[in-house]
Every structure is written in C-alpha cells, then in structure tokens.
C-alpha cells in the first residue's frame, strides 16, 4: 500500500473527520457500542468512495495479520 502524499492527506482528512463524527454519534447513542465486536478494527464510512475502498483493503490486511474482526459502521459522514 503505497500512497502519494496527496492520497495520504486525503485518507487522513477523511478518516479523522469520520472518526470524530462516529465517536460523537456513539456518545449520543452509547447502546451502539455493544454492537462493536471486542478487538474489532472499526471502519467508519467517510462518504468518499475511494477512501472507503482503501480503508477496506487496509482493514482486511490488518484483520488477517492480527486475526481481528472488522466492523463497518452504518454511520454516514456529515461534512
């Protein structure tokens, strides 16, 4: 997984924004936390198809490497 600096920036910005939005949602609806499997690699939807696809590839790699489940969120990025 080799990304150009602009691709790295795109991934970082989209993922940071999506992660904070998802954490905010979990604070508003803490019952959703129990739906996340223990030790899971959580992939929040960013609203950017390319970033979401890359996140899937990265998560699959780490899931196989570390034998951890993947949890994709249903949350849609608002920004």
C-alpha atoms as a PDB file:
ATOM      1  CA  UNK A   1       0.000   0.000   0.000  1.00  0.00           C
ATOM      2  CA  UNK A   2       1.966   2.902  -1.324  1.00  0.00           C
ATOM      3  CA  UNK A   3       0.167   6.213  -1.384  1.00  0.00           C
ATOM      4  CA  UNK A   4       1.268   9.562  -2.740  1.00  0.00           C
ATOM      5  CA  UNK A   5       1.434  12.460  -0.273  1.00  0.00           C
ATOM      6  CA  UNK A   6      -1.859  13.832  -1.628  1.00  0.00           C
ATOM      7  CA  UNK A   7      -3.533  10.414  -1.253  1.00  0.00           C
ATOM      8  CA  UNK A   8      -2.189  10.136   2.302  1.00  0.00           C
ATOM      9  CA  UNK A   9      -3.622  13.583   3.040  1.00  0.00           C
ATOM     10  CA  UNK A  10      -6.990  12.582   1.555  1.00  0.00           C
ATOM     11  CA  UNK A  11      -7.079   9.399   3.631  1.00  0.00           C
ATOM     12  CA  UNK A  12      -6.058  11.200   6.809  1.00  0.00           C
ATOM     13  CA  UNK A  13      -8.544  14.047   6.493  1.00  0.00           C
ATOM     14  CA  UNK A  14     -11.489  11.833   5.602  1.00  0.00           C
ATOM     15  CA  UNK A  15     -10.723   9.287   8.319  1.00  0.00           C
ATOM     16  CA  UNK A  16     -10.132  11.839  11.070  1.00  0.00           C
ATOM     17  CA  UNK A  17     -13.377  13.640  10.279  1.00  0.00           C
ATOM     18  CA  UNK A  18     -15.347  10.386  10.042  1.00  0.00           C
ATOM     19  CA  UNK A  19     -13.829   9.034  13.263  1.00  0.00           C
ATOM     20  CA  UNK A  20     -14.732  12.128  15.269  1.00  0.00           C
ATOM     21  CA  UNK A  21     -18.254  12.147  13.823  1.00  0.00           C
ATOM     22  CA  UNK A  22     -18.649   8.471  14.671  1.00  0.00           C
ATOM     23  CA  UNK A  23     -17.353   8.971  18.212  1.00  0.00           C
ATOM     24  CA  UNK A  24     -19.828  11.802  18.630  1.00  0.00           C
ATOM     25  CA  UNK A  25     -22.629   9.504  17.491  1.00  0.00           C
ATOM     26  CA  UNK A  26     -21.501   6.846  19.988  1.00  0.00           C
ATOM     27  CA  UNK A  27     -21.584   9.413  22.791  1.00  0.00           C
ATOM     28  CA  UNK A  28     -25.142  10.326  21.775  1.00  0.00           C
ATOM     29  CA  UNK A  29     -26.173   6.676  21.405  1.00  0.00           C
ATOM     30  CA  UNK A  30     -23.927   4.602  23.716  1.00  0.00           C
ATOM     31  CA  UNK A  31     -26.070   1.494  23.173  1.00  0.00           C
ATOM     32  CA  UNK A  32     -24.423   1.190  19.739  1.00  0.00           C
ATOM     33  CA  UNK A  33     -21.075   0.461  21.393  1.00  0.00           C
ATOM     34  CA  UNK A  34     -22.227  -3.057  22.278  1.00  0.00           C
ATOM     35  CA  UNK A  35     -22.618  -3.844  18.559  1.00  0.00           C
ATOM     36  CA  UNK A  36     -18.848  -3.494  18.044  1.00  0.00           C
ATOM     37  CA  UNK A  37     -17.081  -6.862  18.497  1.00  0.00           C
ATOM     38  CA  UNK A  38     -14.246  -6.915  21.038  1.00  0.00           C
ATOM     39  CA  UNK A  39     -10.914  -6.133  19.414  1.00  0.00           C
ATOM     40  CA  UNK A  40     -12.537  -5.176  16.116  1.00  0.00           C
ATOM     41  CA  UNK A  41     -10.988  -2.948  13.510  1.00  0.00           C
ATOM     42  CA  UNK A  42     -13.659  -0.256  13.146  1.00  0.00           C
ATOM     43  CA  UNK A  43     -14.149   1.302   9.718  1.00  0.00           C
ATOM     44  CA  UNK A  44     -16.415   4.347   9.768  1.00  0.00           C
ATOM     45  CA  UNK A  45     -17.950   5.362   6.463  1.00  0.00           C
ATOM     46  CA  UNK A  46     -16.294   8.536   5.200  1.00  0.00           C
ATOM     47  CA  UNK A  47     -18.607   9.364   2.328  1.00  0.00           C
ATOM     48  CA  UNK A  48     -15.614   9.221  -0.029  1.00  0.00           C
ATOM     49  CA  UNK A  49     -15.859   6.047  -2.112  1.00  0.00           C
ATOM     50  CA  UNK A  50     -12.110   5.859  -2.803  1.00  0.00           C
ATOM     51  CA  UNK A  51     -11.192   6.343   0.872  1.00  0.00           C
ATOM     52  CA  UNK A  52     -13.785   3.769   1.953  1.00  0.00           C
ATOM     53  CA  UNK A  53     -12.352   1.274  -0.555  1.00  0.00           C
ATOM     54  CA  UNK A  54      -8.801   1.898   0.675  1.00  0.00           C
ATOM     55  CA  UNK A  55      -9.941   1.531   4.277  1.00  0.00           C
ATOM     56  CA  UNK A  56     -11.424  -1.843   3.366  1.00  0.00           C
ATOM     57  CA  UNK A  57      -8.135  -3.017   1.852  1.00  0.00           C
ATOM     58  CA  UNK A  58      -6.132  -1.775   4.853  1.00  0.00           C
ATOM     59  CA  UNK A  59      -8.574  -3.294   7.348  1.00  0.00           C
ATOM     60  CA  UNK A  60      -8.549  -6.648   5.546  1.00  0.00           C
ATOM     61  CA  UNK A  61      -4.755  -6.714   5.686  1.00  0.00           C
ATOM     62  CA  UNK A  62      -4.656  -5.999   9.438  1.00  0.00           C
ATOM     63  CA  UNK A  63      -7.590  -8.280  10.159  1.00  0.00           C
ATOM     64  CA  UNK A  64      -5.807 -11.227   8.563  1.00  0.00           C
ATOM     65  CA  UNK A  65      -2.459 -10.314  10.079  1.00  0.00           C
ATOM     66  CA  UNK A  66      -3.790  -9.881  13.632  1.00  0.00           C
ATOM     67  CA  UNK A  67      -6.790 -12.253  13.476  1.00  0.00           C
ATOM     68  CA  UNK A  68      -9.194  -9.450  14.406  1.00  0.00           C
ATOM     69  CA  UNK A  69     -12.762  -8.933  13.187  1.00  0.00           C
ATOM     70  CA  UNK A  70     -13.744  -5.980  11.004  1.00  0.00           C
ATOM     71  CA  UNK A  71     -16.677  -3.778  11.986  1.00  0.00           C
ATOM     72  CA  UNK A  72     -18.011  -1.437   9.309  1.00  0.00           C
ATOM     73  CA  UNK A  73     -20.208   1.343  10.580  1.00  0.00           C
ATOM     74  CA  UNK A  74     -23.507   2.347   9.087  1.00  0.00           C
ATOM     75  CA  UNK A  75     -22.897   5.942  10.057  1.00  0.00           C
ATOM     76  CA  UNK A  76     -22.702   8.391   7.160  1.00  0.00           C
ATOM     77  CA  UNK A  77     -20.143  11.173   7.305  1.00  0.00           C
ATOM     78  CA  UNK A  78     -21.875  14.562   7.572  1.00  0.00           C
ATOM     79  CA  UNK A  79     -19.250  17.089   6.481  1.00  0.00           C
END
